[in-house]
Amino acid sequence: NGWTRIACTALLGIYSICALLVLFKTRNDSDVDFMTIVVWALGLAAVIPLWSQQAREFFDTWRKD
């Protein structure tokens, strides 16, 4: 649904802010920085397909049924 895409994007935005805070606050801790970036990238990889044309068609079809 439309709210799903908006909610996931908003949560990624919130996590992006948190990730930036973590990256700036944890100096010289490469493990924490690496994992923060990996989790952020996974979140981004999950949100991008939600905004594709194929996902829009799927949600439109699902709503009609």
N, C-alpha and C. Protein backbone atom coordinates (compact mmCIF):
# COMPACT_ATOMS: atom_id res chain seq x y z
N ASN A 1 0.84 -1.19 0.00
CA ASN A 1 0.00 0.00 0.00
C ASN A 1 0.88 1.24 0.00
N GLY A 2 0.24 2.38 -0.19
CA GLY A 2 0.98 3.63 -0.19
C GLY A 2 1.62 3.92 1.16
N TRP A 3 0.92 3.56 2.23
CA TRP A 3 1.46 3.84 3.57
C TRP A 3 2.69 2.99 3.85
N THR A 4 2.78 1.83 3.24
CA THR A 4 3.94 0.96 3.46
C THR A 4 5.21 1.62 2.95
N ARG A 5 5.12 2.16 1.75
CA ARG A 5 6.29 2.82 1.17
C ARG A 5 6.69 4.05 1.99
N ILE A 6 5.69 4.82 2.39
CA ILE A 6 5.96 6.03 3.16
C ILE A 6 6.55 5.68 4.52
N ALA A 7 5.99 4.67 5.19
CA ALA A 7 6.48 4.27 6.51
C ALA A 7 7.92 3.75 6.43
N CYS A 8 8.20 2.92 5.44
CA CYS A 8 9.55 2.38 5.30
C CYS A 8 10.56 3.48 4.97
N THR A 9 10.16 4.41 4.12
CA THR A 9 11.04 5.52 3.78
C THR A 9 11.29 6.42 4.99
N ALA A 10 10.24 6.67 5.77
CA ALA A 10 10.39 7.49 6.98
C ALA A 10 11.31 6.80 7.99
N LEU A 11 11.14 5.49 8.16
CA LEU A 11 12.01 4.76 9.08
C LEU A 11 13.46 4.78 8.61
N LEU A 12 13.67 4.67 7.30
CA LEU A 12 15.04 4.76 6.78
C LEU A 12 15.60 6.15 7.02
N GLY A 13 14.78 7.17 6.90
CA GLY A 13 15.23 8.53 7.18
C GLY A 13 15.63 8.70 8.63
N ILE A 14 14.83 8.16 9.53
CA ILE A 14 15.16 8.23 10.95
C ILE A 14 16.45 7.47 11.24
N TYR A 15 16.57 6.28 10.64
CA TYR A 15 17.80 5.51 10.86
C TYR A 15 19.01 6.21 10.25
N SER A 16 18.80 6.92 9.14
CA SER A 16 19.91 7.66 8.53
C SER A 16 20.46 8.70 9.49
N ILE A 17 19.56 9.41 10.16
CA ILE A 17 19.99 10.40 11.15
C ILE A 17 20.74 9.72 12.30
N CYS A 18 20.18 8.62 12.78
CA CYS A 18 20.84 7.87 13.87
C CYS A 18 22.20 7.35 13.42
N ALA A 19 22.27 6.86 12.18
CA ALA A 19 23.54 6.34 11.67
C ALA A 19 24.59 7.45 11.59
N LEU A 20 24.18 8.62 11.15
CA LEU A 20 25.13 9.74 11.10
C LEU A 20 25.64 10.09 12.49
N LEU A 21 24.74 10.09 13.46
CA LEU A 21 25.16 10.36 14.84
C LEU A 21 26.16 9.32 15.32
N VAL A 22 25.87 8.07 15.03
CA VAL A 22 26.78 6.99 15.45
C VAL A 22 28.14 7.17 14.77
N LEU A 23 28.12 7.45 13.47
CA LEU A 23 29.39 7.58 12.73
C LEU A 23 30.22 8.74 13.23
N PHE A 24 29.58 9.83 13.63
CA PHE A 24 30.33 10.98 14.12
C PHE A 24 30.75 10.85 15.58
N LYS A 25 30.00 10.07 16.36
CA LYS A 25 30.30 9.94 17.79
C LYS A 25 31.29 8.83 18.09
N THR A 26 31.35 7.80 17.27
CA THR A 26 32.24 6.67 17.54
C THR A 26 33.50 6.81 16.68
N ARG A 27 34.43 7.50 17.21
CA ARG A 27 35.69 7.68 16.49
C ARG A 27 36.61 6.49 16.80
N ASN A 28 37.33 6.08 15.78
CA ASN A 28 38.32 4.99 15.91
C ASN A 28 37.70 3.66 16.28
N ASP A 29 36.45 3.45 15.94
CA ASP A 29 35.83 2.14 16.16
C ASP A 29 35.28 1.66 14.82
N SER A 30 36.16 1.08 14.03
CA SER A 30 35.80 0.73 12.66
C SER A 30 34.74 -0.35 12.58
N ASP A 31 34.66 -1.24 13.58
CA ASP A 31 33.65 -2.30 13.56
C ASP A 31 32.25 -1.71 13.67
N VAL A 32 32.07 -0.77 14.57
CA VAL A 32 30.77 -0.13 14.74
C VAL A 32 30.41 0.67 13.49
N ASP A 33 31.36 1.41 12.96
CA ASP A 33 31.12 2.18 11.74
C ASP A 33 30.73 1.27 10.58
N PHE A 34 31.46 0.17 10.42
CA PHE A 34 31.18 -0.76 9.33
C PHE A 34 29.79 -1.35 9.46
N MET A 35 29.42 -1.82 10.64
CA MET A 35 28.11 -2.43 10.81
C MET A 35 26.99 -1.41 10.64
N THR A 36 27.20 -0.19 11.07
CA THR A 36 26.20 0.86 10.89
C THR A 36 25.97 1.11 9.41
N ILE A 37 27.03 1.16 8.64
CA ILE A 37 26.90 1.38 7.19
C ILE A 37 26.25 0.18 6.52
N VAL A 38 26.59 -1.02 6.95
CA VAL A 38 25.99 -2.23 6.36
C VAL A 38 24.49 -2.26 6.61
N VAL A 39 24.08 -1.99 7.83
CA VAL A 39 22.65 -2.01 8.16
C VAL A 39 21.91 -0.91 7.40
N TRP A 40 22.51 0.27 7.28
CA TRP A 40 21.90 1.35 6.52
C TRP A 40 21.75 0.97 5.05
N ALA A 41 22.79 0.35 4.49
CA ALA A 41 22.75 -0.07 3.08
C ALA A 41 21.67 -1.13 2.86
N LEU A 42 21.51 -2.04 3.80
CA LEU A 42 20.45 -3.05 3.69
C LEU A 42 19.07 -2.40 3.73
N GLY A 43 18.92 -1.41 4.59
CA GLY A 43 17.65 -0.68 4.64
C GLY A 43 17.37 0.05 3.35
N LEU A 44 18.39 0.67 2.79
CA LEU A 44 18.23 1.36 1.51
C LEU A 44 17.90 0.36 0.40
N ALA A 45 18.57 -0.79 0.42
CA ALA A 45 18.30 -1.82 -0.58
C ALA A 45 16.88 -2.37 -0.47
N ALA A 46 16.29 -2.30 0.71
CA ALA A 46 14.91 -2.77 0.89
C ALA A 46 13.90 -1.71 0.47
N VAL A 47 14.24 -0.43 0.64
CA VAL A 47 13.30 0.65 0.33
C VAL A 47 13.25 0.96 -1.16
N ILE A 48 14.36 0.91 -1.84
CA ILE A 48 14.40 1.28 -3.25
C ILE A 48 13.40 0.48 -4.09
N PRO A 49 13.34 -0.84 -3.96
CA PRO A 49 12.38 -1.58 -4.79
C PRO A 49 10.92 -1.25 -4.48
N LEU A 50 10.65 -0.75 -3.29
CA LEU A 50 9.27 -0.40 -2.95
C LEU A 50 8.74 0.74 -3.82
N TRP A 51 9.63 1.56 -4.34
CA TRP A 51 9.23 2.70 -5.16
C TRP A 51 9.33 2.42 -6.66
N SER A 52 9.59 1.18 -7.04
CA SER A 52 9.70 0.83 -8.46
C SER A 52 8.32 0.75 -9.10
N GLN A 53 8.30 0.79 -10.41
CA GLN A 53 7.04 0.67 -11.16
C GLN A 53 6.41 -0.69 -10.92
N GLN A 54 7.21 -1.73 -10.84
CA GLN A 54 6.69 -3.08 -10.61
C GLN A 54 5.99 -3.17 -9.26
N ALA A 55 6.54 -2.53 -8.24
CA ALA A 55 5.90 -2.54 -6.92
C ALA A 55 4.59 -1.76 -6.97
N ARG A 56 4.58 -0.63 -7.68
CA ARG A 56 3.34 0.14 -7.80
C ARG A 56 2.24 -0.68 -8.45
N GLU A 57 2.59 -1.39 -9.51
CA GLU A 57 1.61 -2.25 -10.19
C GLU A 57 1.12 -3.34 -9.25
N PHE A 58 2.02 -3.94 -8.49
CA PHE A 58 1.62 -4.98 -7.55
C PHE A 58 0.65 -4.44 -6.51
N PHE A 59 0.98 -3.27 -5.92
CA PHE A 59 0.12 -2.70 -4.90
C PHE A 59 -1.23 -2.30 -5.49
N ASP A 60 -1.24 -1.78 -6.72
CA ASP A 60 -2.50 -1.42 -7.36
C ASP A 60 -3.37 -2.64 -7.61
N THR A 61 -2.75 -3.73 -8.06
CA THR A 61 -3.49 -4.97 -8.29
C THR A 61 -4.01 -5.54 -6.98
N TRP A 62 -3.20 -5.49 -5.95
CA TRP A 62 -3.59 -6.02 -4.65
C TRP A 62 -4.77 -5.24 -4.06
N ARG A 63 -4.77 -3.93 -4.27
CA ARG A 63 -5.87 -3.09 -3.77
C ARG A 63 -7.18 -3.37 -4.47
N LYS A 64 -7.12 -3.72 -5.75
CA LYS A 64 -8.34 -3.95 -6.54
C LYS A 64 -9.02 -5.26 -6.16
N ASP A 65 -8.26 -6.24 -5.68
CA ASP A 65 -8.86 -7.54 -5.33
C ASP A 65 -9.67 -7.50 -4.07
